[in-house]
Amino acid sequence: MPEEEKESKKEIKEEEMKPLEEIEEKSVKEIPFHKHNGMDGSPRIDARDIKNLTAGGKLINVVVKADSFSTTSNSFVDVTDLTITANLNNKRVLLLFFSTIYNSAEGGNLCLTFRQDTTDLGGTNGLIWAQFVHQTINTFMPASMGYVTDKLSGSHTFKVRLKSDGYTSYINYNGNARAIFIAIELE
């Protein structure tokens, strides 16, 4: 193996990494999280590259839905129980959603999005569009989506929304997992 290739594949030892509390005064946009992948392939932050980080935020709310939700609507509908309202003062909000999804038809489609007040984010097909092809019965798949808003002030309501193509589309099919909706106020 050439020397330069060995150098690029060098693993960072655990003792070379520092906890995030020790990292100060640097903008989040400058974090080079892509420079090192952990043994499991997940991105890692090399603390040597991000000294002086200042970042922060505040957890607004976490909403967990244990039961299933379904629709056959061709238009976005609110997913019951997945709504968060926040009072903001010129802050951005990071919205996160995690669950399983399912469509009852071979080749069936579903779309997911967030709604900010009266506006669906992500356009006509939302932030996620999924088509279920070559499925066996009761095949569901994991889904996640995230979005960072513009700076907002005042009271704002955020929702998770779902639409289908006329077949039945599900979030948290058969209540087999949990649907989780998180809102974080960013500094």
N, C-alpha and C. Protein backbone atom coordinates (compact mmCIF):
# COMPACT_ATOMS: atom_id res chain seq x y z
N MET A 1 0.86 -1.18 0.00
CA MET A 1 0.00 0.00 0.00
C MET A 1 0.90 1.24 0.00
N PRO A 2 0.66 2.21 -0.92
CA PRO A 2 1.47 3.42 -0.95
C PRO A 2 1.38 4.18 0.37
N GLU A 3 2.47 4.88 0.72
CA GLU A 3 2.56 5.61 1.99
C GLU A 3 1.43 6.63 2.16
N GLU A 4 1.10 7.39 1.08
CA GLU A 4 0.04 8.40 1.20
C GLU A 4 -1.31 7.77 1.46
N GLU A 5 -1.56 6.57 0.90
CA GLU A 5 -2.82 5.89 1.16
C GLU A 5 -2.88 5.41 2.60
N LYS A 6 -1.76 4.92 3.14
CA LYS A 6 -1.71 4.51 4.54
C LYS A 6 -2.04 5.69 5.45
N GLU A 7 -1.48 6.85 5.15
CA GLU A 7 -1.70 8.04 5.96
C GLU A 7 -3.18 8.43 5.96
N SER A 8 -3.86 8.36 4.80
CA SER A 8 -5.26 8.76 4.72
C SER A 8 -6.18 7.78 5.44
N LYS A 9 -5.74 6.53 5.62
CA LYS A 9 -6.56 5.52 6.28
C LYS A 9 -6.21 5.37 7.76
N LYS A 10 -5.33 6.21 8.27
CA LYS A 10 -4.91 6.14 9.66
C LYS A 10 -6.11 6.39 10.58
N GLU A 11 -6.31 5.50 11.51
CA GLU A 11 -7.39 5.65 12.48
C GLU A 11 -6.94 6.59 13.59
N ILE A 12 -7.85 7.38 14.08
CA ILE A 12 -7.57 8.27 15.20
C ILE A 12 -7.86 7.49 16.48
N LYS A 13 -6.93 7.51 17.39
CA LYS A 13 -7.08 6.79 18.65
C LYS A 13 -8.06 7.53 19.55
N GLU A 14 -8.76 6.77 20.37
CA GLU A 14 -9.76 7.33 21.26
C GLU A 14 -9.19 8.43 22.15
N GLU A 15 -7.95 8.26 22.62
CA GLU A 15 -7.36 9.26 23.51
C GLU A 15 -7.06 10.58 22.79
N GLU A 16 -7.05 10.59 21.44
CA GLU A 16 -6.83 11.81 20.68
C GLU A 16 -8.11 12.63 20.52
N MET A 17 -9.25 12.03 20.81
CA MET A 17 -10.52 12.73 20.69
C MET A 17 -10.88 13.36 22.03
N LYS A 18 -11.54 14.50 21.98
CA LYS A 18 -11.91 15.22 23.19
C LYS A 18 -13.43 15.34 23.27
N PRO A 19 -13.95 15.40 24.48
CA PRO A 19 -15.40 15.61 24.60
C PRO A 19 -15.78 16.99 24.07
N LEU A 20 -17.01 17.11 23.59
CA LEU A 20 -17.46 18.38 23.02
C LEU A 20 -17.40 19.53 24.02
N GLU A 21 -17.49 19.23 25.33
CA GLU A 21 -17.43 20.31 26.32
C GLU A 21 -16.10 21.06 26.26
N GLU A 22 -15.04 20.39 25.78
CA GLU A 22 -13.72 21.02 25.73
C GLU A 22 -13.51 21.84 24.46
N ILE A 23 -14.46 21.81 23.56
CA ILE A 23 -14.31 22.49 22.28
C ILE A 23 -15.05 23.81 22.35
N GLU A 24 -14.39 24.93 22.04
CA GLU A 24 -14.98 26.25 22.22
C GLU A 24 -14.72 27.16 21.04
N GLU A 25 -15.57 28.20 20.89
CA GLU A 25 -15.39 29.36 20.01
C GLU A 25 -15.11 29.08 18.54
N LYS A 26 -15.93 28.31 17.89
CA LYS A 26 -15.85 28.13 16.45
C LYS A 26 -17.25 27.89 15.93
N SER A 27 -17.55 28.40 14.78
CA SER A 27 -18.90 28.28 14.24
C SER A 27 -19.21 26.85 13.83
N VAL A 28 -20.49 26.45 13.96
CA VAL A 28 -20.92 25.10 13.60
C VAL A 28 -20.64 24.82 12.13
N LYS A 29 -20.77 25.83 11.26
CA LYS A 29 -20.54 25.64 9.83
C LYS A 29 -19.11 25.20 9.54
N GLU A 30 -18.19 25.43 10.47
CA GLU A 30 -16.80 25.09 10.25
C GLU A 30 -16.43 23.70 10.75
N ILE A 31 -17.38 22.95 11.30
CA ILE A 31 -17.05 21.62 11.83
C ILE A 31 -16.75 20.67 10.67
N PRO A 32 -15.54 20.12 10.63
CA PRO A 32 -15.17 19.18 9.55
C PRO A 32 -15.54 17.75 9.92
N PHE A 33 -16.83 17.48 10.18
CA PHE A 33 -17.26 16.17 10.65
C PHE A 33 -16.98 15.06 9.66
N HIS A 34 -16.77 15.41 8.41
CA HIS A 34 -16.57 14.41 7.37
C HIS A 34 -15.14 13.88 7.32
N LYS A 35 -14.23 14.43 8.09
CA LYS A 35 -12.83 14.07 7.99
C LYS A 35 -12.51 12.70 8.57
N HIS A 36 -13.33 12.19 9.44
CA HIS A 36 -13.02 10.91 10.06
C HIS A 36 -14.29 10.09 10.21
N ASN A 37 -14.24 8.85 9.78
CA ASN A 37 -15.36 7.95 9.98
C ASN A 37 -15.00 6.95 11.05
N GLY A 38 -15.94 6.68 11.93
CA GLY A 38 -15.71 5.71 12.99
C GLY A 38 -15.62 4.31 12.42
N MET A 39 -15.28 3.38 13.27
CA MET A 39 -15.12 1.99 12.86
C MET A 39 -16.41 1.45 12.24
N ASP A 40 -17.55 1.95 12.71
CA ASP A 40 -18.83 1.48 12.19
C ASP A 40 -19.28 2.25 10.95
N GLY A 41 -18.44 3.18 10.45
CA GLY A 41 -18.76 3.95 9.26
C GLY A 41 -19.50 5.24 9.54
N SER A 42 -19.88 5.47 10.80
CA SER A 42 -20.60 6.69 11.12
C SER A 42 -19.64 7.87 11.20
N PRO A 43 -20.12 9.08 10.87
CA PRO A 43 -19.23 10.24 10.92
C PRO A 43 -18.79 10.55 12.34
N ARG A 44 -17.57 10.97 12.49
CA ARG A 44 -17.01 11.36 13.79
C ARG A 44 -16.39 12.73 13.66
N ILE A 45 -16.30 13.42 14.76
CA ILE A 45 -15.65 14.73 14.78
C ILE A 45 -14.27 14.56 15.37
N ASP A 46 -13.26 15.03 14.67
CA ASP A 46 -11.89 15.00 15.16
C ASP A 46 -11.67 16.31 15.93
N ALA A 47 -11.55 16.21 17.24
CA ALA A 47 -11.45 17.39 18.10
C ALA A 47 -10.23 18.25 17.76
N ARG A 48 -9.22 17.67 17.16
CA ARG A 48 -8.04 18.46 16.80
C ARG A 48 -8.38 19.51 15.75
N ASP A 49 -9.44 19.27 14.96
CA ASP A 49 -9.82 20.19 13.90
C ASP A 49 -10.84 21.24 14.32
N ILE A 50 -11.43 21.10 15.49
CA ILE A 50 -12.52 22.02 15.83
C ILE A 50 -12.34 22.65 17.21
N LYS A 51 -11.17 23.07 17.49
CA LYS A 51 -10.94 23.78 18.75
C LYS A 51 -11.72 25.08 18.73
N ASN A 52 -12.13 25.55 19.88
CA ASN A 52 -12.83 26.83 20.05
C ASN A 52 -14.21 26.87 19.40
N LEU A 53 -14.98 25.84 19.55
CA LEU A 53 -16.34 25.78 19.01
C LEU A 53 -17.33 26.49 19.94
N THR A 54 -18.14 27.37 19.39
CA THR A 54 -19.27 27.90 20.15
C THR A 54 -20.52 27.55 19.37
N ALA A 55 -21.28 26.71 19.93
CA ALA A 55 -22.54 26.30 19.32
C ALA A 55 -23.49 26.02 20.45
N GLY A 56 -24.72 26.05 20.16
CA GLY A 56 -25.65 25.76 21.22
C GLY A 56 -27.06 25.78 20.71
N GLY A 57 -27.92 25.49 21.59
CA GLY A 57 -29.31 25.47 21.26
C GLY A 57 -30.09 25.06 22.48
N LYS A 58 -31.39 24.96 22.29
CA LYS A 58 -32.26 24.61 23.40
C LYS A 58 -33.32 23.66 22.87
N LEU A 59 -33.49 22.57 23.56
CA LEU A 59 -34.53 21.63 23.19
C LEU A 59 -35.88 22.28 23.45
N ILE A 60 -36.68 22.39 22.40
CA ILE A 60 -38.02 22.97 22.53
C ILE A 60 -39.00 21.91 23.02
N ASN A 61 -39.00 20.76 22.32
CA ASN A 61 -39.93 19.70 22.71
C ASN A 61 -39.59 18.43 21.95
N VAL A 62 -39.96 17.30 22.55
CA VAL A 62 -39.89 15.99 21.90
C VAL A 62 -41.27 15.38 22.04
N VAL A 63 -41.87 14.99 20.92
CA VAL A 63 -43.19 14.37 20.92
C VAL A 63 -43.04 12.94 20.40
N VAL A 64 -43.60 11.99 21.13
CA VAL A 64 -43.51 10.58 20.75
C VAL A 64 -44.92 10.04 20.53
N LYS A 65 -45.12 9.42 19.38
CA LYS A 65 -46.43 8.83 19.03
C LYS A 65 -46.25 7.32 19.00
N ALA A 66 -47.02 6.63 19.84
CA ALA A 66 -46.88 5.18 19.95
C ALA A 66 -47.84 4.42 19.04
N ASP A 67 -48.93 5.06 18.62
CA ASP A 67 -49.90 4.36 17.78
C ASP A 67 -49.67 4.68 16.31
N SER A 68 -50.37 3.95 15.45
CA SER A 68 -50.24 4.10 14.01
C SER A 68 -51.09 5.25 13.49
N PHE A 69 -50.68 5.83 12.36
CA PHE A 69 -51.47 6.86 11.69
C PHE A 69 -51.51 6.49 10.21
N SER A 70 -52.68 6.64 9.58
CA SER A 70 -52.78 6.32 8.15
C SER A 70 -53.68 7.32 7.43
N THR A 71 -53.46 7.41 6.12
CA THR A 71 -54.30 8.25 5.26
C THR A 71 -54.29 7.69 3.84
N THR A 72 -55.36 8.02 3.09
CA THR A 72 -55.40 7.75 1.66
C THR A 72 -55.45 9.06 0.88
N SER A 73 -55.32 10.17 1.58
CA SER A 73 -55.46 11.50 0.97
C SER A 73 -54.34 11.81 -0.01
N ASN A 74 -54.70 12.42 -1.15
CA ASN A 74 -53.71 12.89 -2.12
C ASN A 74 -53.14 14.26 -1.75
N SER A 75 -53.64 14.84 -0.66
CA SER A 75 -53.13 16.11 -0.15
C SER A 75 -52.54 15.87 1.23
N PHE A 76 -51.59 16.70 1.63
CA PHE A 76 -50.99 16.54 2.94
C PHE A 76 -52.02 16.70 4.04
N VAL A 77 -51.96 15.82 5.05
CA VAL A 77 -52.80 15.90 6.24
C VAL A 77 -51.89 15.88 7.46
N ASP A 78 -52.35 16.52 8.54
CA ASP A 78 -51.59 16.53 9.79
C ASP A 78 -51.59 15.14 10.40
N VAL A 79 -50.43 14.71 10.88
CA VAL A 79 -50.34 13.46 11.63
C VAL A 79 -50.73 13.79 13.07
N THR A 80 -51.77 13.13 13.57
CA THR A 80 -52.24 13.44 14.92
C THR A 80 -51.13 13.24 15.94
N ASP A 81 -51.11 14.10 16.93
CA ASP A 81 -50.16 14.07 18.06
C ASP A 81 -48.74 14.52 17.71
N LEU A 82 -48.46 14.87 16.45
CA LEU A 82 -47.10 15.30 16.10
C LEU A 82 -47.09 16.79 15.76
N THR A 83 -47.34 17.60 16.77
CA THR A 83 -47.37 19.06 16.65
C THR A 83 -46.57 19.67 17.79
N ILE A 84 -45.76 20.68 17.47
CA ILE A 84 -44.98 21.40 18.46
C ILE A 84 -45.15 22.89 18.22
N THR A 85 -45.42 23.63 19.28
CA THR A 85 -45.51 25.10 19.20
C THR A 85 -44.37 25.69 20.01
N ALA A 86 -43.73 26.74 19.44
CA ALA A 86 -42.58 27.36 20.10
C ALA A 86 -42.69 28.87 20.02
N ASN A 87 -42.25 29.55 21.08
CA ASN A 87 -42.11 31.00 21.09
C ASN A 87 -40.64 31.31 20.86
N LEU A 88 -40.35 32.05 19.80
CA LEU A 88 -38.97 32.27 19.38
C LEU A 88 -38.62 33.75 19.34
N ASN A 89 -37.34 34.03 19.49
CA ASN A 89 -36.84 35.40 19.42
C ASN A 89 -35.67 35.44 18.44
N ASN A 90 -35.99 35.57 17.14
CA ASN A 90 -34.99 35.64 16.08
C ASN A 90 -34.07 34.41 16.09
N LYS A 91 -34.66 33.22 16.14
CA LYS A 91 -33.91 31.96 16.19
C LYS A 91 -34.34 31.04 15.06
N ARG A 92 -33.41 30.21 14.62
CA ARG A 92 -33.72 29.12 13.69
C ARG A 92 -34.15 27.92 14.51
N VAL A 93 -34.88 27.01 13.86
CA VAL A 93 -35.33 25.80 14.53
C VAL A 93 -34.92 24.59 13.68
N LEU A 94 -34.31 23.62 14.35
CA LEU A 94 -33.98 22.34 13.71
C LEU A 94 -35.14 21.39 14.00
N LEU A 95 -35.80 20.93 12.94
CA LEU A 95 -36.91 19.97 13.07
C LEU A 95 -36.40 18.59 12.66
N LEU A 96 -36.69 17.59 13.47
CA LEU A 96 -36.26 16.21 13.19
C LEU A 96 -37.45 15.27 13.35
N PHE A 97 -37.53 14.25 12.49
CA PHE A 97 -38.60 13.26 12.56
C PHE A 97 -38.01 11.89 12.28
N PHE A 98 -38.41 10.89 13.08
CA PHE A 98 -37.96 9.51 12.91
C PHE A 98 -39.15 8.58 13.11
N SER A 99 -39.30 7.59 12.23
CA SER A 99 -40.37 6.60 12.38
C SER A 99 -40.19 5.50 11.35
N THR A 100 -41.23 4.67 11.21
CA THR A 100 -41.30 3.72 10.10
C THR A 100 -42.45 4.18 9.21
N ILE A 101 -42.36 3.83 7.91
CA ILE A 101 -43.42 4.18 6.96
C ILE A 101 -43.80 2.94 6.16
N TYR A 102 -45.01 2.99 5.58
CA TYR A 102 -45.51 1.85 4.83
C TYR A 102 -46.62 2.33 3.90
N ASN A 103 -46.71 1.72 2.71
CA ASN A 103 -47.83 1.95 1.80
C ASN A 103 -48.41 0.60 1.45
N SER A 104 -49.73 0.49 1.43
CA SER A 104 -50.41 -0.80 1.29
C SER A 104 -50.35 -1.39 -0.12
N ALA A 105 -49.93 -0.63 -1.12
CA ALA A 105 -49.97 -1.12 -2.51
C ALA A 105 -48.58 -1.33 -3.09
N GLU A 106 -48.43 -2.37 -3.87
CA GLU A 106 -47.20 -2.56 -4.65
C GLU A 106 -47.06 -1.36 -5.57
N GLY A 107 -45.95 -0.66 -5.48
CA GLY A 107 -45.74 0.54 -6.29
C GLY A 107 -46.40 1.79 -5.72
N GLY A 108 -46.98 1.66 -4.52
CA GLY A 108 -47.64 2.81 -3.89
C GLY A 108 -46.64 3.85 -3.42
N ASN A 109 -47.07 5.09 -3.38
CA ASN A 109 -46.21 6.21 -2.99
C ASN A 109 -46.73 6.89 -1.73
N LEU A 110 -45.81 7.47 -0.98
CA LEU A 110 -46.20 8.36 0.10
C LEU A 110 -45.20 9.50 0.18
N CYS A 111 -45.64 10.62 0.73
CA CYS A 111 -44.79 11.80 0.90
C CYS A 111 -44.92 12.28 2.34
N LEU A 112 -43.80 12.77 2.88
CA LEU A 112 -43.76 13.33 4.23
C LEU A 112 -43.21 14.75 4.16
N THR A 113 -43.68 15.59 5.05
CA THR A 113 -43.14 16.94 5.13
C THR A 113 -43.38 17.51 6.51
N PHE A 114 -42.77 18.65 6.77
CA PHE A 114 -43.08 19.45 7.95
C PHE A 114 -43.94 20.61 7.51
N ARG A 115 -44.79 21.10 8.40
CA ARG A 115 -45.54 22.32 8.16
C ARG A 115 -45.09 23.33 9.20
N GLN A 116 -44.79 24.53 8.72
CA GLN A 116 -44.47 25.65 9.60
C GLN A 116 -45.63 26.62 9.49
N ASP A 117 -46.40 26.73 10.55
CA ASP A 117 -47.61 27.55 10.58
C ASP A 117 -48.56 27.11 9.47
N THR A 118 -48.67 27.84 8.35
CA THR A 118 -49.60 27.47 7.27
C THR A 118 -48.86 27.04 6.00
N THR A 119 -47.55 26.84 6.09
CA THR A 119 -46.76 26.52 4.89
C THR A 119 -46.16 25.13 4.98
N ASP A 120 -46.46 24.29 3.98
CA ASP A 120 -45.81 22.99 3.87
C ASP A 120 -44.41 23.21 3.31
N LEU A 121 -43.41 22.67 3.99
CA LEU A 121 -42.02 22.83 3.57
C LEU A 121 -41.67 21.75 2.55
N GLY A 122 -40.84 22.08 1.60
CA GLY A 122 -40.38 21.07 0.65
C GLY A 122 -41.17 20.96 -0.63
N GLY A 123 -42.15 21.79 -0.86
CA GLY A 123 -42.86 21.78 -2.14
C GLY A 123 -43.94 20.73 -2.24
N THR A 124 -44.37 20.46 -3.48
CA THR A 124 -45.51 19.58 -3.77
C THR A 124 -45.36 18.18 -3.19
N ASN A 125 -44.16 17.61 -3.29
CA ASN A 125 -43.94 16.26 -2.77
C ASN A 125 -43.27 16.24 -1.42
N GLY A 126 -43.23 17.38 -0.75
CA GLY A 126 -42.69 17.43 0.60
C GLY A 126 -41.18 17.24 0.65
N LEU A 127 -40.71 16.80 1.80
CA LEU A 127 -39.28 16.60 2.01
C LEU A 127 -38.85 15.17 1.73
N ILE A 128 -39.79 14.23 1.83
CA ILE A 128 -39.51 12.82 1.53
C ILE A 128 -40.59 12.28 0.61
N TRP A 129 -40.16 11.61 -0.44
CA TRP A 129 -41.07 10.90 -1.34
C TRP A 129 -40.58 9.46 -1.38
N ALA A 130 -41.44 8.51 -1.09
CA ALA A 130 -41.04 7.10 -1.08
C ALA A 130 -42.00 6.28 -1.92
N GLN A 131 -41.45 5.35 -2.69
CA GLN A 131 -42.26 4.43 -3.48
C GLN A 131 -41.95 3.01 -3.01
N PHE A 132 -42.99 2.24 -2.79
CA PHE A 132 -42.84 0.87 -2.29
C PHE A 132 -42.95 -0.10 -3.46
N VAL A 133 -41.83 -0.62 -3.91
CA VAL A 133 -41.80 -1.55 -5.04
C VAL A 133 -41.25 -2.90 -4.57
N HIS A 134 -41.71 -3.95 -5.20
CA HIS A 134 -41.26 -5.31 -4.90
C HIS A 134 -41.37 -5.63 -3.42
N GLN A 135 -42.46 -5.19 -2.81
CA GLN A 135 -42.61 -5.43 -1.38
C GLN A 135 -43.35 -6.72 -1.12
N THR A 136 -43.06 -7.29 0.02
CA THR A 136 -43.85 -8.40 0.51
C THR A 136 -44.84 -7.82 1.51
N ILE A 137 -45.78 -8.61 1.90
CA ILE A 137 -46.82 -8.09 2.79
C ILE A 137 -46.21 -7.55 4.09
N ASN A 138 -46.74 -6.43 4.55
CA ASN A 138 -46.34 -5.78 5.79
C ASN A 138 -44.87 -5.37 5.81
N THR A 139 -44.33 -4.98 4.66
CA THR A 139 -42.96 -4.48 4.62
C THR A 139 -42.98 -2.99 4.89
N PHE A 140 -42.37 -2.60 5.98
CA PHE A 140 -42.27 -1.19 6.31
C PHE A 140 -40.80 -0.83 6.35
N MET A 141 -40.50 0.46 6.25
CA MET A 141 -39.10 0.86 6.26
C MET A 141 -38.90 2.07 7.16
N PRO A 142 -37.68 2.24 7.65
CA PRO A 142 -37.41 3.40 8.49
C PRO A 142 -37.39 4.67 7.65
N ALA A 143 -37.77 5.77 8.27
CA ALA A 143 -37.74 7.07 7.60
C ALA A 143 -37.30 8.12 8.61
N SER A 144 -36.55 9.08 8.11
CA SER A 144 -36.18 10.23 8.94
C SER A 144 -36.11 11.45 8.04
N MET A 145 -36.38 12.60 8.62
CA MET A 145 -36.23 13.84 7.86
C MET A 145 -35.85 14.95 8.83
N GLY A 146 -35.18 15.94 8.29
CA GLY A 146 -34.76 17.07 9.08
C GLY A 146 -34.85 18.34 8.26
N TYR A 147 -34.99 19.47 8.95
CA TYR A 147 -35.12 20.75 8.27
C TYR A 147 -34.71 21.85 9.24
N VAL A 148 -33.98 22.85 8.74
CA VAL A 148 -33.63 24.03 9.54
C VAL A 148 -34.39 25.21 8.96
N THR A 149 -35.17 25.88 9.82
CA THR A 149 -35.98 27.01 9.38
C THR A 149 -35.12 28.26 9.22
N ASP A 150 -35.71 29.29 8.62
CA ASP A 150 -35.11 30.62 8.66
C ASP A 150 -35.25 31.13 10.08
N LYS A 151 -34.63 32.29 10.37
CA LYS A 151 -34.79 32.88 11.70
C LYS A 151 -36.24 33.31 11.89
N LEU A 152 -36.79 32.97 13.05
CA LEU A 152 -38.19 33.23 13.35
C LEU A 152 -38.33 33.95 14.68
N SER A 153 -39.37 34.76 14.80
CA SER A 153 -39.72 35.40 16.06
C SER A 153 -41.21 35.23 16.29
N GLY A 154 -41.59 35.19 17.57
CA GLY A 154 -43.00 35.03 17.91
C GLY A 154 -43.37 33.56 18.05
N SER A 155 -44.67 33.31 18.10
CA SER A 155 -45.18 31.95 18.26
C SER A 155 -45.32 31.26 16.90
N HIS A 156 -44.78 30.06 16.80
CA HIS A 156 -44.86 29.28 15.55
C HIS A 156 -45.22 27.84 15.87
N THR A 157 -46.01 27.24 14.98
CA THR A 157 -46.44 25.86 15.14
C THR A 157 -45.85 25.01 14.03
N PHE A 158 -45.29 23.87 14.42
CA PHE A 158 -44.67 22.94 13.48
C PHE A 158 -45.40 21.60 13.57
N LYS A 159 -45.63 20.98 12.41
CA LYS A 159 -46.35 19.72 12.35
C LYS A 159 -45.65 18.76 11.39
N VAL A 160 -45.87 17.46 11.61
CA VAL A 160 -45.48 16.43 10.65
C VAL A 160 -46.71 16.14 9.83
N ARG A 161 -46.54 16.05 8.49
CA ARG A 161 -47.68 15.82 7.60
C ARG A 161 -47.37 14.67 6.64
N LEU A 162 -48.41 14.00 6.19
CA LEU A 162 -48.31 12.82 5.33
C LEU A 162 -49.34 12.93 4.22
N LYS A 163 -48.96 12.46 3.01
CA LYS A 163 -49.95 12.28 1.94
C LYS A 163 -49.66 10.99 1.22
N SER A 164 -50.68 10.48 0.51
CA SER A 164 -50.58 9.20 -0.17
C SER A 164 -50.95 9.39 -1.64
N ASP A 165 -51.01 8.28 -2.35
CA ASP A 165 -51.40 8.32 -3.76
C ASP A 165 -52.76 7.66 -3.96
N GLY A 166 -53.56 7.62 -2.91
CA GLY A 166 -54.88 6.98 -2.98
C GLY A 166 -54.90 5.64 -2.28
N TYR A 167 -53.75 5.00 -2.15
CA TYR A 167 -53.66 3.77 -1.35
C TYR A 167 -53.44 4.19 0.10
N THR A 168 -53.48 3.26 1.01
CA THR A 168 -53.29 3.61 2.42
C THR A 168 -51.81 3.71 2.75
N SER A 169 -51.41 4.88 3.24
CA SER A 169 -50.03 5.12 3.67
C SER A 169 -50.02 5.26 5.19
N TYR A 170 -48.96 4.73 5.80
CA TYR A 170 -48.89 4.68 7.26
C TYR A 170 -47.60 5.32 7.78
N ILE A 171 -47.72 5.89 8.96
CA ILE A 171 -46.57 6.20 9.81
C ILE A 171 -46.70 5.29 11.01
N ASN A 172 -45.60 4.66 11.40
CA ASN A 172 -45.60 3.75 12.55
C ASN A 172 -46.62 2.63 12.33
N TYR A 173 -46.50 1.96 11.20
CA TYR A 173 -47.43 0.91 10.79
C TYR A 173 -47.65 -0.11 11.91
N ASN A 174 -48.88 -0.38 12.22
CA ASN A 174 -49.31 -1.31 13.28
C ASN A 174 -48.75 -0.96 14.66
N GLY A 175 -48.29 0.28 14.85
CA GLY A 175 -47.75 0.67 16.15
C GLY A 175 -46.51 -0.13 16.53
N ASN A 176 -45.76 -0.58 15.50
CA ASN A 176 -44.62 -1.47 15.73
C ASN A 176 -43.37 -0.76 16.24
N ALA A 177 -43.37 0.55 16.24
CA ALA A 177 -42.21 1.32 16.70
C ALA A 177 -42.74 2.59 17.35
N ARG A 178 -42.02 3.65 17.22
CA ARG A 178 -42.47 4.95 17.72
C ARG A 178 -42.19 5.99 16.65
N ALA A 179 -43.07 6.97 16.52
CA ALA A 179 -42.81 8.13 15.68
C ALA A 179 -42.31 9.22 16.63
N ILE A 180 -41.19 9.83 16.31
CA ILE A 180 -40.58 10.83 17.18
C ILE A 180 -40.40 12.13 16.41
N PHE A 181 -40.88 13.22 16.97
CA PHE A 181 -40.79 14.55 16.39
C PHE A 181 -40.06 15.44 17.40
N ILE A 182 -38.97 16.08 16.96
CA ILE A 182 -38.12 16.87 17.84
C ILE A 182 -37.95 18.27 17.24
N ALA A 183 -38.03 19.29 18.09
CA ALA A 183 -37.74 20.66 17.67
C ALA A 183 -36.65 21.22 18.60
N ILE A 184 -35.60 21.78 18.00
CA ILE A 184 -34.48 22.35 18.74
C ILE A 184 -34.25 23.77 18.27
N GLU A 185 -34.23 24.71 19.22
CA GLU A 185 -33.93 26.11 18.90
C GLU A 185 -32.41 26.24 18.76
N LEU A 186 -31.97 26.79 17.64
CA LEU A 186 -30.53 26.92 17.39
C LEU A 186 -30.05 28.32 17.74
N GLU A 187 -28.82 28.41 18.21
CA GLU A 187 -28.20 29.71 18.51
C GLU A 187 -27.75 30.37 17.23
